[in-house]
Amino acid sequence: RGECDGLAGNSAGLERAKRLLADRRKLDMLLAAVADEQCKHRAACQSFGLAEAASTNAIETARAIEGAWSGEQAALLAADLQRNAPCPVCGSHEHPQPARPGAGLPDAAERSTARENESSARAARDELRECVTRLGANLENLQQQEGALTAELGENAGFPVAELEQRCAALQHDAGRLVTLREELAAKEVAHIAQQQILLEREECSRGCS
């Protein structure tokens, strides 16, 4: 019975160890999730930087092509200007600096391709911006959870999980031993009561016969 009483005191310790083990496992999972999310966020930021540069380049290219097209249109109009005749655009009779043709007029396909490239680059940039924002929010949420659990665990935050598992296993073994001992004690108690009943019945029978 002394061993049984000693083991009974371990039941509260087993529950505490189980809770601590569960929290430490959760903390390790959160730390792994934070590290994984940091990698994703960092990669997304790098991709966004590249996409932003590509978008800027596509926008500048499209504007340059449109500017060249507009310039060539002005040059075509300037070629038809007549001395002392009104300009079809501004109406002036003087033409001191008429537009001159450049490297060539961009065709419709080139202009269309430039606009499509600009649109695609903008879309890719915006999609990656949203991805960076979403991953940043996820990372912040995980870091807050990790920080709260670390603060709650205090000095136990660094307790090795393997040691906690060993402790829980030992306490669980003690709990099983306690159940066995109690069953044995109960069986002995029942047997003792039965033996006492038999002795009592024999004593009563002996008295009756005398």
Protein backbone atom coordinates (compact mmCIF):
# COMPACT_ATOMS: atom_id res chain seq x y z
CA ARG A 1 0.00 0.00 0.00
CA GLY A 2 2.94 2.32 0.57
CA GLU A 3 4.02 1.95 -3.06
CA CYS A 4 0.46 2.63 -4.15
CA ASP A 5 0.32 5.84 -2.12
CA GLY A 6 3.63 6.98 -3.60
CA LEU A 7 2.51 6.36 -7.16
CA ALA A 8 -0.81 8.12 -6.56
CA GLY A 9 1.09 11.37 -6.04
CA ASN A 10 2.44 11.15 -9.59
CA SER A 11 -0.93 11.49 -11.32
CA ALA A 12 -0.94 15.29 -11.12
CA GLY A 13 2.64 15.35 -12.38
CA LEU A 14 1.64 13.22 -15.36
CA GLU A 15 -1.08 15.66 -16.38
CA ARG A 16 1.29 18.62 -16.07
CA ALA A 17 3.94 16.80 -18.11
CA LYS A 18 1.39 15.97 -20.81
CA ARG A 19 0.28 19.59 -21.08
CA LEU A 20 3.88 20.81 -21.19
CA LEU A 21 4.79 18.25 -23.85
CA ALA A 22 1.79 19.27 -25.99
CA ASP A 23 2.73 22.95 -25.69
CA ARG A 24 6.39 22.28 -26.53
CA ARG A 25 5.40 20.28 -29.59
CA LYS A 26 3.09 23.10 -30.65
CA LEU A 27 5.90 25.63 -30.15
CA ASP A 28 8.26 23.58 -32.32
CA MET A 29 5.60 23.41 -35.05
CA LEU A 30 5.08 27.17 -34.84
CA LEU A 31 8.83 27.81 -35.05
CA ALA A 32 9.05 25.57 -38.14
CA ALA A 33 6.02 27.30 -39.67
CA VAL A 34 7.55 30.74 -39.03
CA ALA A 35 10.82 29.70 -40.67
CA ASP A 36 8.95 28.27 -43.68
CA GLU A 37 6.78 31.37 -44.03
CA GLN A 38 9.86 33.60 -43.80
CA CYS A 39 11.42 31.73 -46.73
CA LYS A 40 8.22 32.08 -48.76
CA HIS A 41 7.91 35.78 -47.95
CA ARG A 42 11.55 36.45 -48.79
CA ALA A 43 11.24 34.63 -52.14
CA ALA A 44 8.01 36.48 -52.93
CA CYS A 45 9.68 39.83 -52.17
CA GLN A 46 12.53 38.99 -54.52
CA SER A 47 10.09 37.94 -57.26
CA PHE A 48 8.09 41.12 -56.73
CA GLY A 49 11.25 43.21 -57.13
CA LEU A 50 12.00 41.54 -60.44
CA ALA A 51 8.39 41.88 -61.58
CA GLU A 52 8.34 45.56 -60.64
CA ALA A 53 11.51 46.17 -62.67
CA ALA A 54 10.05 44.26 -65.62
CA SER A 55 6.84 46.27 -65.35
CA THR A 56 8.74 49.56 -65.31
CA ASN A 57 10.71 48.49 -68.37
CA ALA A 58 7.55 47.41 -70.24
CA ILE A 59 5.82 50.70 -69.41
CA GLU A 60 8.79 52.74 -70.61
CA THR A 61 9.07 50.67 -73.79
CA ALA A 62 5.37 51.10 -74.58
CA ARG A 63 5.58 54.84 -73.96
CA ALA A 64 8.66 55.12 -76.16
CA ILE A 65 6.90 53.30 -79.00
CA GLU A 66 3.81 55.47 -78.63
CA GLY A 67 6.00 58.55 -78.53
CA ALA A 68 7.79 57.45 -81.70
CA TRP A 69 4.46 56.81 -83.40
CA SER A 70 3.16 60.26 -82.39
CA GLY A 71 6.39 61.87 -83.59
CA GLU A 72 6.17 60.18 -86.96
CA GLN A 73 2.55 61.28 -87.31
CA ALA A 74 3.66 64.87 -86.72
CA ALA A 75 6.46 64.44 -89.26
CA LEU A 76 3.99 63.18 -91.85
CA LEU A 77 1.80 66.22 -91.29
CA ALA A 78 4.83 68.54 -91.43
CA ALA A 79 5.82 67.10 -94.79
CA ASP A 80 2.58 68.43 -96.28
CA LEU A 81 2.93 71.95 -94.85
CA GLN A 82 2.90 74.73 -97.47
CA ARG A 83 4.61 78.08 -97.07
CA ASN A 84 2.16 80.68 -95.68
CA ALA A 85 -0.56 77.99 -95.58
CA PRO A 86 -2.28 77.28 -92.23
CA CYS A 87 -1.13 74.28 -90.20
CA PRO A 88 -3.90 71.63 -90.12
CA VAL A 89 -3.17 71.07 -86.43
CA CYS A 90 -2.64 74.52 -84.87
CA GLY A 91 -3.75 76.81 -87.72
CA SER A 92 -0.55 78.87 -87.70
CA HIS A 93 0.76 80.28 -91.01
CA GLU A 94 4.32 80.16 -89.74
CA HIS A 95 6.22 76.88 -89.43
CA PRO A 96 9.60 77.68 -87.86
CA GLN A 97 10.35 74.17 -86.55
CA PRO A 98 8.40 71.51 -88.43
CA ALA A 99 8.63 67.96 -87.08
CA ARG A 100 11.14 65.79 -88.87
CA PRO A 101 10.90 62.04 -89.47
CA GLY A 102 12.74 59.78 -87.00
CA ALA A 103 13.94 56.20 -87.25
CA GLY A 104 10.68 55.00 -88.70
CA LEU A 105 7.01 54.65 -87.96
CA PRO A 106 6.20 51.79 -85.52
CA ASP A 107 3.62 49.52 -87.11
CA ALA A 108 0.33 48.47 -85.52
CA ALA A 109 1.67 45.03 -84.50
CA GLU A 110 4.62 46.58 -82.67
CA ARG A 111 2.37 49.00 -80.82
CA SER A 112 -0.09 46.23 -79.93
CA THR A 113 2.67 43.95 -78.66
CA ALA A 114 4.10 46.74 -76.51
CA ARG A 115 0.69 47.44 -74.97
CA GLU A 116 0.11 43.73 -74.30
CA ASN A 117 3.54 43.37 -72.70
CA GLU A 118 2.84 46.37 -70.50
CA SER A 119 -0.53 44.97 -69.42
CA SER A 120 0.92 41.53 -68.66
CA ALA A 121 3.83 43.00 -66.71
CA ARG A 122 1.50 45.19 -64.65
CA ALA A 123 -0.75 42.19 -63.88
CA ALA A 124 2.21 40.02 -62.82
CA ARG A 125 3.54 42.81 -60.63
CA ASP A 126 0.18 43.40 -58.96
CA GLU A 127 -0.37 39.68 -58.37
CA LEU A 128 3.02 39.36 -56.69
CA ARG A 129 2.34 42.47 -54.60
CA GLU A 130 -0.83 40.81 -53.29
CA CYS A 131 1.14 37.62 -52.63
CA VAL A 132 3.76 39.53 -50.63
CA THR A 133 1.02 41.23 -48.60
CA ARG A 134 -0.76 37.94 -47.90
CA LEU A 135 2.41 36.11 -46.91
CA GLY A 136 3.45 39.04 -44.73
CA ALA A 137 0.13 38.87 -42.86
CA ASN A 138 0.48 35.10 -42.40
CA LEU A 139 4.02 35.51 -41.12
CA GLU A 140 2.99 38.20 -38.64
CA ASN A 141 0.15 36.01 -37.33
CA LEU A 142 2.45 33.02 -36.84
CA GLN A 143 5.07 35.16 -35.12
CA GLN A 144 2.45 36.51 -32.72
CA GLN A 145 1.31 32.98 -31.87
CA GLU A 146 4.89 31.84 -31.37
CA GLY A 147 5.68 34.85 -29.18
CA ALA A 148 2.59 34.34 -27.01
CA LEU A 149 3.29 30.63 -26.46
CA THR A 150 6.97 31.29 -25.74
CA ALA A 151 6.01 33.85 -23.11
CA GLU A 152 3.47 31.44 -21.61
CA LEU A 153 6.00 28.61 -21.36
CA GLY A 154 8.66 30.86 -19.87
CA GLU A 155 11.82 28.94 -18.99
CA ASN A 156 10.19 25.72 -20.22
CA ALA A 157 10.17 27.07 -23.78
CA GLY A 158 13.64 25.63 -24.28
CA PHE A 159 12.99 22.31 -22.54
CA PRO A 160 13.91 19.43 -24.91
CA VAL A 161 10.89 17.61 -26.27
CA ALA A 162 12.72 14.26 -26.13
CA GLU A 163 13.22 14.60 -22.36
CA LEU A 164 9.57 15.50 -21.89
CA GLU A 165 8.56 12.43 -23.89
CA GLN A 166 10.74 10.25 -21.65
CA ARG A 167 9.28 11.83 -18.53
CA CYS A 168 5.72 11.30 -19.76
CA ALA A 169 6.51 7.69 -20.65
CA ALA A 170 7.92 7.03 -17.16
CA LEU A 171 4.94 8.69 -15.47
CA GLN A 172 2.55 6.80 -17.73
CA HIS A 173 4.26 3.57 -16.72
CA ASP A 174 3.83 4.52 -13.07
CA ALA A 175 0.15 5.23 -13.72
CA GLY A 176 -0.28 1.77 -15.20
CA ARG A 177 1.55 0.25 -12.23
CA LEU A 178 -0.79 2.15 -9.90
CA VAL A 179 -3.85 0.67 -11.62
CA THR A 180 -2.39 -2.83 -11.31
CA LEU A 181 -1.57 -2.36 -7.63
CA ARG A 182 -5.04 -1.05 -6.86
CA GLU A 183 -6.60 -4.00 -8.65
CA GLU A 184 -4.38 -6.37 -6.67
CA LEU A 185 -5.24 -4.64 -3.40
CA ALA A 186 -8.92 -4.75 -4.23
CA ALA A 187 -8.68 -8.46 -5.05
CA LYS A 188 -6.86 -9.13 -1.76
CA GLU A 189 -9.47 -7.15 0.12
CA VAL A 190 -12.28 -9.15 -1.43
CA ALA A 191 -10.46 -12.41 -0.65
CA HIS A 192 -9.89 -11.28 2.93
CA ILE A 193 -13.55 -10.39 3.39
CA ALA A 194 -14.57 -13.75 1.94
CA GLN A 195 -12.17 -15.57 4.28
CA GLN A 196 -13.51 -13.64 7.25
CA GLN A 197 -17.05 -14.54 6.25
CA ILE A 198 -16.15 -18.22 6.06
CA LEU A 199 -14.51 -18.12 9.48
CA LEU A 200 -17.52 -16.31 10.91
CA GLU A 201 -19.91 -18.89 9.49
CA ARG A 202 -17.78 -21.76 10.89
CA GLU A 203 -17.72 -20.12 14.30
CA GLU A 204 -21.50 -19.70 14.32
CA CYS A 205 -21.96 -23.28 13.17
CA SER A 206 -19.66 -24.51 15.94
CA ARG A 207 -21.62 -22.65 18.54
CA GLY A 208 -24.87 -24.04 17.24
CA CYS A 209 -23.67 -27.59 17.35
CA SER A 210 -22.47 -27.27 20.95
